[in-house]
Protein backbone atom coordinates (compact mmCIF):
# COMPACT_ATOMS: atom_id res chain seq x y z
CA MET A 1 20.49 42.73 120.13
CA LYS A 2 21.54 45.91 118.29
CA ALA A 3 23.27 47.15 121.46
CA LEU A 4 25.24 43.91 121.77
CA THR A 5 26.30 44.10 118.10
CA TRP A 6 27.40 47.71 118.60
CA ILE A 7 29.41 46.82 121.76
CA VAL A 8 31.15 43.92 120.00
CA ALA A 9 31.98 46.12 116.98
CA LEU A 10 33.34 48.86 119.26
CA SER A 11 35.44 46.35 121.23
CA VAL A 12 36.94 44.88 118.06
CA THR A 13 37.76 48.37 116.79
CA LEU A 14 39.43 49.36 120.05
CA LEU A 15 41.45 46.15 120.25
CA ALA A 16 42.60 46.52 116.65
CA GLY A 17 43.68 50.07 117.39
CA CYS A 18 45.60 49.00 120.48
CA GLY A 19 47.50 46.43 118.47
CA THR A 20 48.99 49.13 116.27
CA MET A 21 50.04 51.48 119.06
CA GLY A 22 53.54 50.08 119.48
CA LYS A 23 56.73 52.12 119.75
CA GLU A 24 56.86 52.51 115.96
CA ASN A 25 53.79 54.76 115.99
CA LYS A 26 54.95 57.05 118.76
CA PRO A 27 57.02 60.08 117.69
CA ALA A 28 60.60 59.93 118.89
CA VAL A 29 63.69 62.05 118.48
CA ILE A 30 66.34 59.88 116.84
CA ALA A 31 69.31 59.26 119.12
CA LYS A 32 71.99 56.59 119.52
CA GLU A 33 69.69 54.20 121.39
CA ASN A 34 66.85 54.15 118.83
CA LEU A 35 68.70 54.32 115.51
CA ASP A 36 67.07 51.03 114.53
CA ARG A 37 63.91 53.02 113.71
CA VAL A 38 65.63 54.65 110.70
CA ILE A 39 68.60 52.43 109.78
CA GLY A 40 68.43 50.60 106.46
CA ARG A 41 65.17 52.16 105.34
CA GLN A 42 64.91 54.30 102.24
CA TRP A 43 63.16 57.59 102.96
CA GLU A 44 61.58 59.66 100.16
CA LEU A 45 61.38 63.44 100.44
CA LYS A 46 57.85 64.84 100.23
CA THR A 47 58.33 68.61 100.56
CA LEU A 48 61.10 70.99 101.52
CA THR A 49 61.29 74.18 103.57
CA MET A 50 64.66 75.91 103.76
CA ASP A 51 65.32 78.94 105.92
CA GLY A 52 61.59 79.40 106.39
CA GLN A 53 60.83 79.39 102.65
CA ARG A 54 58.79 76.56 101.11
CA VAL A 55 60.52 75.21 98.00
CA VAL A 56 58.25 74.20 95.13
CA MET A 57 59.16 70.62 94.27
CA ASP A 58 59.48 69.35 90.71
CA LEU A 59 57.38 66.26 89.97
CA ASP A 60 60.45 64.59 88.45
CA ALA A 61 62.66 65.34 91.47
CA ASN A 62 62.98 62.02 93.30
CA MET A 63 65.05 62.69 96.44
CA THR A 64 65.88 60.02 98.98
CA ILE A 65 68.04 59.28 102.00
CA THR A 66 69.08 56.03 103.66
CA PHE A 67 70.93 55.91 106.97
CA GLY A 68 73.29 52.93 106.96
CA ALA A 69 74.38 50.97 110.01
CA ASP A 70 77.98 51.82 109.01
CA GLY A 71 77.45 55.52 109.80
CA ARG A 72 77.06 56.58 106.17
CA ALA A 73 73.98 58.32 104.80
CA THR A 74 73.41 57.80 101.10
CA GLY A 75 70.71 58.83 98.70
CA PHE A 76 69.58 60.25 95.43
CA GLY A 77 69.27 63.99 94.90
CA SER A 78 67.15 63.84 91.70
CA VAL A 79 70.17 63.69 89.34
CA ASN A 80 73.14 62.43 91.37
CA GLN A 81 73.87 59.94 94.12
CA TYR A 82 75.29 61.47 97.31
CA SER A 83 76.77 60.38 100.63
CA ASN A 84 78.14 61.73 103.88
CA ARG A 85 79.07 60.24 107.23
CA TYR A 86 76.72 60.94 110.12
CA THR A 87 76.23 60.32 113.83
CA PHE A 88 73.24 60.73 116.11
CA THR A 89 74.30 61.66 119.64
CA GLN A 90 72.77 60.49 122.92
CA ASP A 91 70.82 63.76 123.16
CA GLY A 92 69.41 63.47 119.63
CA GLN A 93 71.73 65.73 117.67
CA LEU A 94 72.41 64.76 114.05
CA LYS A 95 75.99 65.58 113.12
CA TRP A 96 77.41 65.37 109.61
CA ALA A 97 81.10 64.53 109.07
CA GLY A 98 81.54 67.50 106.76
CA PRO A 99 79.65 70.54 105.54
CA SER A 100 79.15 69.16 102.05
CA PHE A 101 78.06 65.86 100.58
CA VAL A 102 80.09 63.74 98.18
CA THR A 103 78.14 63.42 94.94
CA THR A 104 78.47 61.80 91.56
CA ARG A 105 79.02 64.31 88.75
CA ARG A 106 76.16 63.63 86.37
CA ALA A 107 74.49 66.54 84.60
CA GLY A 108 70.76 66.82 84.22
CA PRO A 109 68.04 69.30 83.39
CA PRO A 110 68.84 72.69 84.96
CA GLU A 111 65.64 72.73 87.05
CA LEU A 112 66.48 69.33 88.59
CA MET A 113 70.09 70.33 89.19
CA GLN A 114 68.82 73.44 91.02
CA LYS A 115 66.42 71.39 93.19
CA GLU A 116 69.23 68.94 93.99
CA ARG A 117 71.53 71.78 95.04
CA ILE A 118 68.81 73.19 97.34
CA TYR A 119 68.06 69.72 98.77
CA LEU A 120 71.71 69.03 99.61
CA GLU A 121 72.15 72.50 101.10
CA ALA A 122 69.04 71.99 103.25
CA LEU A 123 70.17 68.50 104.27
CA GLY A 124 73.45 70.00 105.50
CA LYS A 125 71.50 72.35 107.78
CA VAL A 126 69.45 69.71 109.60
CA SER A 127 70.56 68.75 113.08
CA ARG A 128 67.88 66.42 114.41
CA GLY A 129 65.43 63.79 113.26
CA ILE A 130 62.00 62.81 114.49
CA VAL A 131 60.44 59.52 113.44
CA LYS A 132 56.88 58.28 113.73
CA GLY A 133 55.97 55.02 112.05
CA HIS A 134 56.83 55.39 108.38
CA GLU A 135 57.47 59.13 108.55
CA LEU A 136 60.76 60.88 109.23
CA GLN A 137 61.26 64.60 109.67
CA LEU A 138 64.73 66.11 109.58
CA GLN A 139 65.01 69.69 110.76
CA SER A 140 67.37 72.42 111.85
CA ASP A 141 67.57 73.48 115.50
CA ASP A 142 65.63 76.66 114.79
CA GLY A 143 62.95 74.79 112.81
CA ALA A 144 63.43 77.01 109.75
CA THR A 145 64.66 74.11 107.60
CA VAL A 146 62.38 71.07 107.50
CA LEU A 147 62.59 67.95 105.33
CA PRO A 148 59.68 65.54 105.78
CA PHE A 149 60.19 62.04 104.37
CA THR A 150 58.03 58.95 104.03
CA GLU A 151 59.46 55.45 104.03
CA ALA A 152 59.59 54.04 100.49
CA GLY A 153 56.58 51.88 99.77
CA TYR A 154 54.25 53.68 102.18
């Protein structure tokens, strides 16, 4: 009887696991054909590495990005709102419309302003995105600049 209980429990566990193994849980490079995996979701920055150097994050620095269906990326850089136009190519390259982001001009604590400046500089260096479930990683071609995000609410 114990063996039968164990087999049933194992089967239920395996079936439950198979139900969550859809395309959303498989890592994928973001390209034109799978933009729906990132569009309209707010992504929250967790850590930041720029040019191979890990940046210590401030607990009050809330940094986000949202890729809109209209080709505009918007977000919050810890003090100011920002935006820039973007495209993802067929081969998975992320291209920004310009080298800098348009931002509001609010002032804030110097340490948050510094983190925001670093974040926006790093964001301008990324050239591809990889998504897996509720996680998004933006990175430069050489991998020296990495911005890992988690979808808001997860």
